[in-house]
């Protein structure tokens, strides 16, 4: 690990009478830092999707070439999410996250000057690789500063950062085009979001803190007296495995950990359903259900934004009502999703199809974010990045690709019914892995 990215070592201790006040301030700063930082990652990722009509028209790229560029971004991000999250275990979270954001901004600036397909392909792959440096530090920071009993709410708050980031990209690009003119669409699409990302990289550096011990505070289990797993927290805070490489941490605490695999497969099948619905929603509603473009856009909007209130509510309920167990509310959401997919598929009413799409969007992010919170609790805190990496790699390379590609293959060969059978099967499989994950969490609780 290069010196700039090495974790901070505290040189002074916080006075005992200031511990609680300092801890509360630092953890709020850290949560705000990873929230705004991850939001900014989406600003310099989703802007590419908005630029594809310009790429097709202005640079004379074919639909196949545009689709290939999108696939390059998805695959590169999936691979990077696995590798970069593992490296984050040995790095200072704020510097690691800020560096990745700055590199994404730099790539976007270069995209603003690119005019050839091969140049865009190379830059899109680079952007995907650097995008993987955002999620690992986020989860590591949450694990460092928040006890298990609060991670449902905290994880929900962090999770809506990508909804917010993805939602504000269009206004940012739109304002850029209005200010610079349509002739400067590349600057508006890439360089304006890059400038905003650079500002947020500075915010990340200013706000995020490494861990309580690295900031001169006692270990988390001493600050929060009822920390659910004091042994693991003490090991992470007081005696981090400096002598272990990233690969050793990954193999010992993640690769051979059945619970890390269970929660990863929960995410795989969630991503199958999520991408299977959202990737094909425009075509399905326009050509099969005969929606107008305006009606389809409304359904798309509801699918994305309906997740925000439900995520916050279920995060709170998983902490308070389900006592830190994440999978029961995920299972309830998936059962409802199953019936909503049937309604979305079989209904012929514009109103009810829109309602079913909104409810699926409202619910599908619940098991996704609960799986991410559960990941923090099935490995020691110093292996969180590696576990997040495995889950992210599996969800994008396997889940997202099956949700888009396998659905399309079934539609071509069997018809739309075949595509929806794939989604229903994925929902059932997801419930099965949620049950296995829950049983694993209870087993870990008993072993403590």
Protein backbone atom coordinates (compact mmCIF):
# COMPACT_ATOMS: atom_id res chain seq x y z
CA UNK A 1 0.00 0.00 0.00
CA UNK A 2 1.49 3.35 -1.02
CA UNK A 3 2.20 5.69 1.89
CA UNK A 4 -0.53 8.19 0.98
CA UNK A 5 -3.19 5.47 1.40
CA UNK A 6 -1.88 3.90 4.61
CA UNK A 7 -4.28 4.11 7.60
CA UNK A 8 -3.76 6.99 9.99
CA UNK A 9 -2.06 6.27 13.34
CA UNK A 10 -3.18 8.39 16.28
CA UNK A 11 -0.37 10.40 17.90
CA UNK A 12 -2.49 11.76 20.77
CA UNK A 13 -5.39 10.42 22.83
CA UNK A 14 -8.70 12.20 23.29
CA UNK A 15 -9.26 13.18 26.94
CA UNK A 16 -11.77 10.81 28.64
CA UNK A 17 -14.22 13.63 29.37
CA UNK A 18 -14.33 14.49 25.63
CA UNK A 19 -14.67 10.94 24.28
CA UNK A 20 -18.46 10.81 23.92
CA UNK A 21 -18.78 14.28 22.40
CA UNK A 22 -15.90 13.67 19.99
CA UNK A 23 -17.18 10.23 19.01
CA UNK A 24 -20.66 11.55 18.20
CA UNK A 25 -19.23 14.37 16.10
CA UNK A 26 -16.77 12.16 14.23
CA UNK A 27 -19.32 9.47 13.38
CA UNK A 28 -21.82 12.00 12.01
CA UNK A 29 -19.04 13.58 9.96
CA UNK A 30 -18.01 10.18 8.66
CA UNK A 31 -21.56 9.20 7.69
CA UNK A 32 -22.02 12.53 5.89
CA UNK A 33 -18.68 12.00 4.13
CA UNK A 34 -19.48 8.54 2.75
CA UNK A 35 -23.02 9.67 1.85
CA UNK A 36 -21.91 12.64 -0.24
CA UNK A 37 -18.90 10.78 -1.57
CA UNK A 38 -20.90 7.81 -2.86
CA UNK A 39 -23.53 10.18 -4.24
CA UNK A 40 -20.77 11.88 -6.24
CA UNK A 41 -19.59 8.51 -7.62
CA UNK A 42 -23.03 8.12 -9.21
CA UNK A 43 -22.83 11.61 -10.71
CA UNK A 44 -19.75 10.56 -12.72
CA UNK A 45 -21.16 7.11 -13.53
CA UNK A 46 -24.78 7.62 -14.57
CA UNK A 47 -23.86 10.66 -16.67
CA UNK A 48 -22.60 8.21 -19.32
CA UNK A 49 -26.10 6.77 -19.83
CA UNK A 50 -27.43 10.28 -20.46
CA UNK A 51 -24.74 10.89 -23.08
CA UNK A 52 -25.48 7.80 -25.19
CA UNK A 53 -28.03 9.52 -27.53
CA UNK A 54 -25.38 12.16 -28.30
CA UNK A 55 -22.73 9.48 -28.83
CA UNK A 56 -25.00 7.71 -31.30
CA UNK A 57 -26.02 10.83 -33.22
CA UNK A 58 -23.00 13.13 -33.06
CA UNK A 59 -20.19 10.57 -33.29
CA UNK A 60 -22.09 8.18 -35.60
CA UNK A 61 -21.77 5.23 -33.25
CA UNK A 62 -24.03 2.27 -33.93
CA UNK A 63 -26.48 0.91 -31.37
CA UNK A 64 -24.21 -2.13 -31.02
CA UNK A 65 -21.21 0.08 -30.22
CA UNK A 66 -23.20 2.08 -27.66
CA UNK A 67 -24.40 -1.18 -26.07
CA UNK A 68 -20.84 -2.47 -26.00
CA UNK A 69 -19.66 0.68 -24.20
CA UNK A 70 -22.39 0.23 -21.57
CA UNK A 71 -21.40 -3.42 -21.11
CA UNK A 72 -17.74 -2.41 -20.70
CA UNK A 73 -18.69 -0.08 -17.86
CA UNK A 74 -20.84 -2.73 -16.14
CA UNK A 75 -18.24 -5.50 -16.39
CA UNK A 76 -15.32 -3.27 -15.39
CA UNK A 77 -17.27 -1.99 -12.39
CA UNK A 78 -18.22 -5.51 -11.30
CA UNK A 79 -14.60 -6.72 -11.43
CA UNK A 80 -13.33 -3.56 -9.76
CA UNK A 81 -15.92 -3.75 -6.99
CA UNK A 82 -14.42 -7.09 -6.03
CA UNK A 83 -10.75 -6.09 -6.21
CA UNK A 84 -10.84 -2.49 -5.03
CA UNK A 85 -13.08 -3.23 -2.04
CA UNK A 86 -10.57 -5.85 -0.85
CA UNK A 87 -7.68 -3.38 -1.11
CA UNK A 88 -9.74 -0.91 0.94
CA UNK A 89 -9.32 -3.15 4.01
CA UNK A 90 -5.66 -2.03 4.26
CA UNK A 91 -6.17 1.66 3.38
CA UNK A 92 -7.29 4.91 4.98
CA UNK A 93 -11.00 5.01 3.97
CA UNK A 94 -11.22 8.75 3.29
CA UNK A 95 -8.07 8.95 1.16
CA UNK A 96 -8.96 5.79 -0.73
CA UNK A 97 -12.49 6.99 -1.47
CA UNK A 98 -11.35 10.51 -2.40
CA UNK A 99 -8.60 9.19 -4.69
CA UNK A 100 -11.08 6.99 -6.57
CA UNK A 101 -13.47 9.91 -6.99
CA UNK A 102 -10.70 12.17 -8.28
CA UNK A 103 -9.62 9.51 -10.78
CA UNK A 104 -13.23 9.11 -12.00
CA UNK A 105 -13.39 12.89 -12.45
CA UNK A 106 -10.12 12.87 -14.40
CA UNK A 107 -11.41 10.11 -16.70
CA UNK A 108 -14.64 12.07 -17.28
CA UNK A 109 -12.64 15.17 -18.16
CA UNK A 110 -10.78 13.15 -20.79
CA UNK A 111 -14.07 11.75 -22.10
CA UNK A 112 -15.08 15.34 -22.81
CA UNK A 113 -12.31 15.51 -25.42
CA UNK A 114 -12.74 12.03 -26.93
CA UNK A 115 -14.07 11.55 -30.45
CA UNK A 116 -13.41 7.91 -31.34
CA UNK A 117 -15.07 4.67 -30.24
CA UNK A 118 -11.86 3.02 -29.05
CA UNK A 119 -11.00 6.05 -26.92
CA UNK A 120 -14.43 5.96 -25.28
CA UNK A 121 -14.13 2.21 -24.69
CA UNK A 122 -10.77 2.58 -22.92
CA UNK A 123 -12.00 5.51 -20.81
CA UNK A 124 -15.28 3.78 -19.91
CA UNK A 125 -13.32 0.75 -18.66
CA UNK A 126 -11.05 3.03 -16.61
CA UNK A 127 -14.07 4.78 -15.14
CA UNK A 128 -15.58 1.43 -14.19
CA UNK A 129 -12.33 0.38 -12.50
CA UNK A 130 -12.05 3.54 -10.41
CA UNK A 131 -15.77 3.39 -9.55
CA UNK A 132 -15.00 0.30 -7.49
CA UNK A 133 -13.08 2.42 -4.97
CA UNK A 134 -16.28 3.95 -3.56
CA UNK A 135 -18.30 1.20 -1.92
CA UNK A 136 -15.61 -0.53 0.19
CA UNK A 137 -14.60 2.57 2.19
CA UNK A 138 -18.29 3.35 2.76
CA UNK A 139 -19.03 0.04 4.46
CA UNK A 140 -15.73 0.03 6.33
CA UNK A 141 -16.52 3.48 7.73
CA UNK A 142 -20.02 2.39 8.82
CA UNK A 143 -18.56 -0.72 10.49
CA UNK A 144 -15.89 1.36 12.24
CA UNK A 145 -18.21 3.99 13.71
CA UNK A 146 -21.64 2.40 14.24
CA UNK A 147 -22.59 -0.61 16.41
CA UNK A 148 -24.71 -3.43 15.06
CA UNK A 149 -27.93 -2.15 16.66
CA UNK A 150 -27.74 1.08 14.58
CA UNK A 151 -26.52 -0.23 11.23
CA UNK A 152 -29.98 -0.80 9.77
CA UNK A 153 -30.90 2.89 9.96
CA UNK A 154 -27.38 4.05 9.07
CA UNK A 155 -27.16 1.63 6.15
CA UNK A 156 -30.53 2.86 4.89
CA UNK A 157 -29.43 6.48 5.05
CA UNK A 158 -26.22 5.68 3.17
CA UNK A 159 -28.06 3.51 0.64
CA UNK A 160 -30.29 6.34 -0.61
CA UNK A 161 -27.15 8.28 -1.62
CA UNK A 162 -27.10 6.37 -4.91
CA UNK A 163 -30.80 7.13 -5.52
CA UNK A 164 -30.05 10.80 -4.90
CA UNK A 165 -26.88 10.78 -6.99
CA UNK A 166 -28.55 8.96 -9.86
CA UNK A 167 -31.53 11.32 -9.68
CA UNK A 168 -29.61 14.60 -9.84
CA UNK A 169 -27.42 13.66 -12.81
CA UNK A 170 -30.06 14.67 -15.38
CA UNK A 171 -30.58 18.17 -13.90
CA UNK A 172 -26.80 18.69 -13.68
CA UNK A 173 -26.27 17.73 -17.32
CA UNK A 174 -29.37 19.68 -18.35
CA UNK A 175 -28.08 22.85 -16.68
CA UNK A 176 -24.70 22.25 -18.32
CA UNK A 177 -26.25 22.03 -21.78
CA UNK A 178 -28.36 25.14 -21.12
CA UNK A 179 -25.31 27.13 -20.03
CA UNK A 180 -22.79 25.85 -22.57
CA UNK A 181 -25.07 25.14 -25.53
CA UNK A 182 -25.89 21.86 -27.26
CA UNK A 183 -22.74 22.15 -29.34
CA UNK A 184 -20.73 21.55 -26.15
CA UNK A 185 -22.65 18.45 -25.09
CA UNK A 186 -19.44 16.60 -24.16
CA UNK A 187 -18.40 19.28 -21.69
CA UNK A 188 -21.92 19.36 -20.22
CA UNK A 189 -22.17 15.56 -20.02
CA UNK A 190 -18.72 14.76 -18.67
CA UNK A 191 -16.72 17.78 -17.53
CA UNK A 192 -19.43 19.55 -15.53
CA UNK A 193 -20.16 16.37 -13.48
CA UNK A 194 -16.37 15.89 -13.12
CA UNK A 195 -16.01 19.36 -11.61
CA UNK A 196 -18.76 18.58 -9.09
CA UNK A 197 -17.08 15.26 -8.24
CA UNK A 198 -13.79 17.05 -7.50
CA UNK A 199 -15.58 19.32 -5.04
CA UNK A 200 -17.12 16.32 -3.29
CA UNK A 201 -13.72 14.57 -3.16
CA UNK A 202 -12.56 17.50 -1.03
CA UNK A 203 -15.66 17.06 1.15
CA UNK A 204 -14.75 13.38 1.62
CA UNK A 205 -11.23 14.31 2.75
CA UNK A 206 -12.61 16.89 5.17
CA UNK A 207 -15.30 14.74 6.79
CA UNK A 208 -14.49 11.02 6.92
CA UNK A 209 -12.54 9.63 9.85
CA UNK A 210 -10.61 6.36 9.81
CA UNK A 211 -11.67 4.51 12.96
CA UNK A 212 -12.12 5.46 16.63
CA UNK A 213 -8.66 4.15 17.55
CA UNK A 214 -6.94 5.91 14.64
CA UNK A 215 -8.53 9.19 15.80
CA UNK A 216 -7.30 8.85 19.38
CA UNK A 217 -10.53 7.41 20.80
CA UNK A 218 -11.02 4.09 22.63
CA UNK A 219 -12.25 1.05 20.65
CA UNK A 220 -15.91 1.14 19.64
CA UNK A 221 -16.90 -1.57 22.15
CA UNK A 222 -15.59 0.64 24.97
CA UNK A 223 -17.42 3.73 23.73
CA UNK A 224 -20.69 1.85 23.10
CA UNK A 225 -20.95 -0.42 26.12
CA UNK A 226 -23.53 -2.79 24.64
CA UNK A 227 -21.67 -3.41 21.39
CA UNK A 228 -22.98 -6.77 20.16
CA UNK A 229 -19.63 -8.29 19.26
CA UNK A 230 -16.94 -6.83 21.53
CA UNK A 231 -14.43 -9.56 20.77
CA UNK A 232 -14.44 -8.90 17.05
CA UNK A 233 -14.47 -5.14 17.54
CA UNK A 234 -11.58 -5.25 20.01
CA UNK A 235 -9.57 -7.36 17.59
CA UNK A 236 -10.26 -4.94 14.77
CA UNK A 237 -9.55 -1.75 16.69
CA UNK A 238 -6.69 -2.77 18.93
CA UNK A 239 -4.83 -5.42 16.96
CA UNK A 240 -5.45 -5.04 13.23
CA UNK A 241 -3.81 -7.83 11.21
CA UNK A 242 -0.94 -5.75 9.86
CA UNK A 243 1.02 -8.91 9.07
CA UNK A 244 -1.75 -10.27 6.83
CA UNK A 245 -1.96 -9.41 3.15
CA UNK A 246 -5.18 -8.51 1.36
CA UNK A 247 -5.28 -12.00 -0.15
CA UNK A 248 -4.79 -13.68 3.24
CA UNK A 249 -7.62 -11.67 4.77
CA UNK A 250 -9.87 -12.52 1.83
CA UNK A 251 -9.16 -16.26 1.86
CA UNK A 252 -9.33 -16.71 5.65
CA UNK A 253 -12.31 -14.54 6.54
CA UNK A 254 -14.36 -14.38 3.31
CA UNK A 255 -13.59 -17.15 0.81
CA UNK A 256 -13.99 -19.87 3.46
CA UNK A 257 -16.95 -18.15 5.16
CA UNK A 258 -20.25 -19.76 4.15
CA UNK A 259 -22.24 -16.79 5.43
CA UNK A 260 -20.34 -14.41 3.14
CA UNK A 261 -21.33 -16.63 0.21
CA UNK A 262 -24.96 -16.85 1.34
CA UNK A 263 -25.34 -13.07 1.51
CA UNK A 264 -23.54 -12.70 -1.83
CA UNK A 265 -26.09 -14.99 -3.51
CA UNK A 266 -28.91 -12.97 -1.95
CA UNK A 267 -27.49 -10.00 -3.85
CA UNK A 268 -27.04 -12.02 -7.06
CA UNK A 269 -30.75 -12.85 -7.26
CA UNK A 270 -31.83 -9.37 -6.13
CA UNK A 271 -29.77 -7.89 -8.96
CA UNK A 272 -31.30 -10.36 -11.42
CA UNK A 273 -34.76 -9.07 -10.54
CA UNK A 274 -33.75 -5.41 -10.33
CA UNK A 275 -31.90 -5.29 -13.65
CA UNK A 276 -34.38 -7.64 -15.30
CA UNK A 277 -37.19 -5.19 -14.53
CA UNK A 278 -35.47 -1.85 -15.03
CA UNK A 279 -33.43 -2.78 -18.12
CA UNK A 280 -36.48 -4.06 -20.00
CA UNK A 281 -39.14 -1.76 -18.55
CA UNK A 282 -39.00 0.85 -21.36
CA UNK A 283 -39.23 -1.72 -24.19
CA UNK A 284 -41.84 -3.84 -22.39
CA UNK A 285 -44.14 -0.93 -21.55
CA UNK A 286 -43.81 0.75 -24.97
CA UNK A 287 -44.10 -2.30 -27.23
CA UNK A 288 -46.05 -4.85 -25.19
CA UNK A 289 -48.27 -2.77 -22.92
CA UNK A 290 -48.50 0.11 -25.46
CA UNK A 291 -47.65 2.92 -23.05
CA UNK A 292 -46.77 6.33 -24.46
CA UNK A 293 -43.23 7.58 -23.84
CA UNK A 294 -44.55 10.00 -21.21
CA UNK A 295 -46.46 7.21 -19.40
CA UNK A 296 -43.39 4.96 -19.54
CA UNK A 297 -41.22 7.76 -18.10
CA UNK A 298 -43.62 8.16 -15.17
CA UNK A 299 -43.46 4.43 -14.42
CA UNK A 300 -39.65 4.52 -14.66
CA UNK A 301 -39.50 7.49 -12.28
CA UNK A 302 -41.72 5.78 -9.72
CA UNK A 303 -39.61 2.61 -9.92
CA UNK A 304 -36.43 4.51 -8.98
CA UNK A 305 -37.65 7.05 -6.43
CA UNK A 306 -40.16 4.92 -4.54
CA UNK A 307 -37.22 3.14 -2.89
CA UNK A 308 -36.17 6.09 -0.73
CA UNK A 309 -38.94 6.12 1.93
CA UNK A 310 -39.22 2.32 2.06
CA UNK A 311 -35.47 1.89 2.56
CA UNK A 312 -35.41 4.32 5.49
CA UNK A 313 -38.46 2.72 7.12
CA UNK A 314 -37.20 -0.87 6.82
CA UNK A 315 -33.75 0.14 8.06
CA UNK A 316 -35.37 1.44 11.23
CA UNK A 317 -37.60 -1.63 11.60
CA UNK A 318 -34.68 -4.04 11.15
CA UNK A 319 -32.91 -2.35 14.06
CA UNK A 320 -35.87 -1.91 16.41
CA UNK A 321 -38.55 -4.49 15.57
CA UNK A 322 -36.33 -7.32 14.28
CA UNK A 323 -33.54 -6.67 16.82
CA UNK A 324 -30.73 -6.46 14.27
CA UNK A 325 -31.79 -9.44 12.17
CA UNK A 326 -31.84 -8.24 8.56
CA UNK A 327 -33.30 -11.12 6.60
CA UNK A 328 -36.90 -11.37 7.93
CA UNK A 329 -37.94 -7.99 6.45
CA UNK A 330 -36.03 -8.89 3.26
CA UNK A 331 -38.07 -12.11 2.95
CA UNK A 332 -41.34 -10.22 3.47
CA UNK A 333 -40.33 -7.74 0.74
CA UNK A 334 -39.42 -10.55 -1.68
CA UNK A 335 -42.74 -12.35 -1.18
CA UNK A 336 -44.56 -9.10 -2.02
CA UNK A 337 -42.25 -8.59 -5.02
CA UNK A 338 -43.20 -12.04 -6.33
CA UNK A 339 -46.90 -11.15 -6.47
CA UNK A 340 -46.19 -7.66 -7.84
CA UNK A 341 -44.16 -9.16 -10.72
CA UNK A 342 -47.17 -11.33 -11.55
CA UNK A 343 -49.42 -8.26 -11.48
CA UNK A 344 -46.99 -6.19 -13.59
CA UNK A 345 -46.81 -9.03 -16.11
CA UNK A 346 -50.49 -9.99 -16.32
CA UNK A 347 -52.31 -6.68 -15.85
CA UNK A 348 -53.64 -4.72 -18.81
CA UNK A 349 -54.51 -1.55 -16.86
CA UNK A 350 -52.16 1.41 -17.29
CA UNK A 351 -52.84 2.47 -13.69
CA UNK A 352 -52.19 -0.92 -12.12
CA UNK A 353 -49.09 -1.63 -14.21
CA UNK A 354 -47.65 1.69 -13.00
CA UNK A 355 -48.62 0.84 -9.41
CA UNK A 356 -47.01 -2.61 -9.62
CA UNK A 357 -43.82 -1.10 -11.13
CA UNK A 358 -43.69 1.48 -8.33
CA UNK A 359 -44.20 -1.16 -5.63
CA UNK A 360 -41.49 -3.39 -7.11
CA UNK A 361 -39.15 -0.38 -7.14
CA UNK A 362 -40.20 0.44 -3.59
CA UNK A 363 -39.41 -3.09 -2.40
CA UNK A 364 -36.49 -4.34 -4.52
CA UNK A 365 -33.92 -2.11 -2.83
CA UNK A 366 -34.94 -3.44 0.60
CA UNK A 367 -33.27 -6.89 0.31
CA UNK A 368 -30.39 -5.27 -1.57
CA UNK A 369 -29.50 -2.82 1.19
CA UNK A 370 -30.28 -5.31 3.99
CA UNK A 371 -27.84 -7.73 2.35
CA UNK A 372 -25.20 -4.99 2.40
CA UNK A 373 -25.83 -4.36 6.11
CA UNK A 374 -25.76 -8.11 6.82
CA UNK A 375 -22.34 -8.26 5.14
CA UNK A 376 -20.95 -6.05 7.92
CA UNK A 377 -22.05 -8.62 10.49
CA UNK A 378 -20.81 -11.93 9.04
CA UNK A 379 -17.09 -11.02 8.95
CA UNK A 380 -14.69 -9.20 11.31
CA UNK A 381 -14.59 -5.43 10.71
CA UNK A 382 -11.12 -5.63 9.17
CA UNK A 383 -12.45 -7.96 6.44
CA UNK A 384 -15.54 -5.91 5.54
CA UNK A 385 -13.99 -4.57 2.33
CA UNK A 386 -13.16 -8.08 1.13
CA UNK A 387 -16.68 -9.35 1.88
CA UNK A 388 -18.22 -6.33 0.13
CA UNK A 389 -15.91 -7.03 -2.81
CA UNK A 390 -17.09 -10.62 -3.16
CA UNK A 391 -20.74 -9.56 -2.95
CA UNK A 392 -20.27 -6.72 -5.43
CA UNK A 393 -18.39 -8.89 -7.91
CA UNK A 394 -21.04 -11.62 -7.79
CA UNK A 395 -23.98 -9.21 -8.00
CA UNK A 396 -22.74 -7.41 -11.11
CA UNK A 397 -20.90 -10.12 -13.04
CA UNK A 398 -23.48 -12.83 -12.34
CA UNK A 399 -26.70 -11.16 -11.14
CA UNK A 400 -26.92 -8.06 -13.34
CA UNK A 401 -25.72 -9.89 -16.46
CA UNK A 402 -28.25 -12.70 -15.98
CA UNK A 403 -31.03 -10.21 -15.32
CA UNK A 404 -30.34 -8.44 -18.61
CA UNK A 405 -28.91 -11.14 -20.91
CA UNK A 406 -30.82 -14.25 -19.80
CA UNK A 407 -34.08 -12.30 -19.76
CA UNK A 408 -33.39 -11.14 -23.33
CA UNK A 409 -32.51 -14.66 -24.49
CA UNK A 410 -35.74 -16.01 -23.02
CA UNK A 411 -37.78 -13.24 -24.67
CA UNK A 412 -36.21 -14.00 -28.07
CA UNK A 413 -36.66 -17.76 -27.82
CA UNK A 414 -39.75 -18.27 -25.66
CA UNK A 415 -41.45 -14.88 -25.50
CA UNK A 416 -42.04 -12.41 -22.70
CA UNK A 417 -43.57 -15.10 -20.51
CA UNK A 418 -40.19 -16.85 -20.43
CA UNK A 419 -38.49 -13.67 -19.23
CA UNK A 420 -40.94 -13.28 -16.37
CA UNK A 421 -40.53 -16.94 -15.36
CA UNK A 422 -36.81 -16.14 -14.97
CA UNK A 423 -37.61 -13.22 -12.64
CA UNK A 424 -40.06 -15.25 -10.57
CA UNK A 425 -37.52 -18.08 -10.24
CA UNK A 426 -34.86 -15.59 -9.16
CA UNK A 427 -37.21 -14.23 -6.49
CA UNK A 428 -37.81 -17.71 -5.07
CA UNK A 429 -34.07 -18.48 -5.06
CA UNK A 430 -33.43 -15.17 -3.32
CA UNK A 431 -35.88 -16.10 -0.54
CA UNK A 432 -34.01 -19.40 -0.11
CA UNK A 433 -30.64 -17.67 0.34
CA UNK A 434 -32.21 -15.12 2.69
CA UNK A 435 -33.32 -18.03 4.89
CA UNK A 436 -29.81 -19.54 4.81
CA UNK A 437 -28.30 -16.14 5.63
CA UNK A 438 -30.69 -15.68 8.56
CA UNK A 439 -29.88 -19.12 9.95
CA UNK A 440 -26.18 -18.31 9.61
CA UNK A 441 -26.65 -15.02 11.48
CA UNK A 442 -28.45 -16.82 14.31
CA UNK A 443 -25.68 -19.40 14.46
CA UNK A 444 -23.08 -16.62 14.76
CA UNK A 445 -25.14 -15.05 17.55
CA UNK A 446 -25.26 -18.34 19.46
CA UNK A 447 -21.52 -18.85 19.06
CA UNK A 448 -20.81 -15.50 20.71
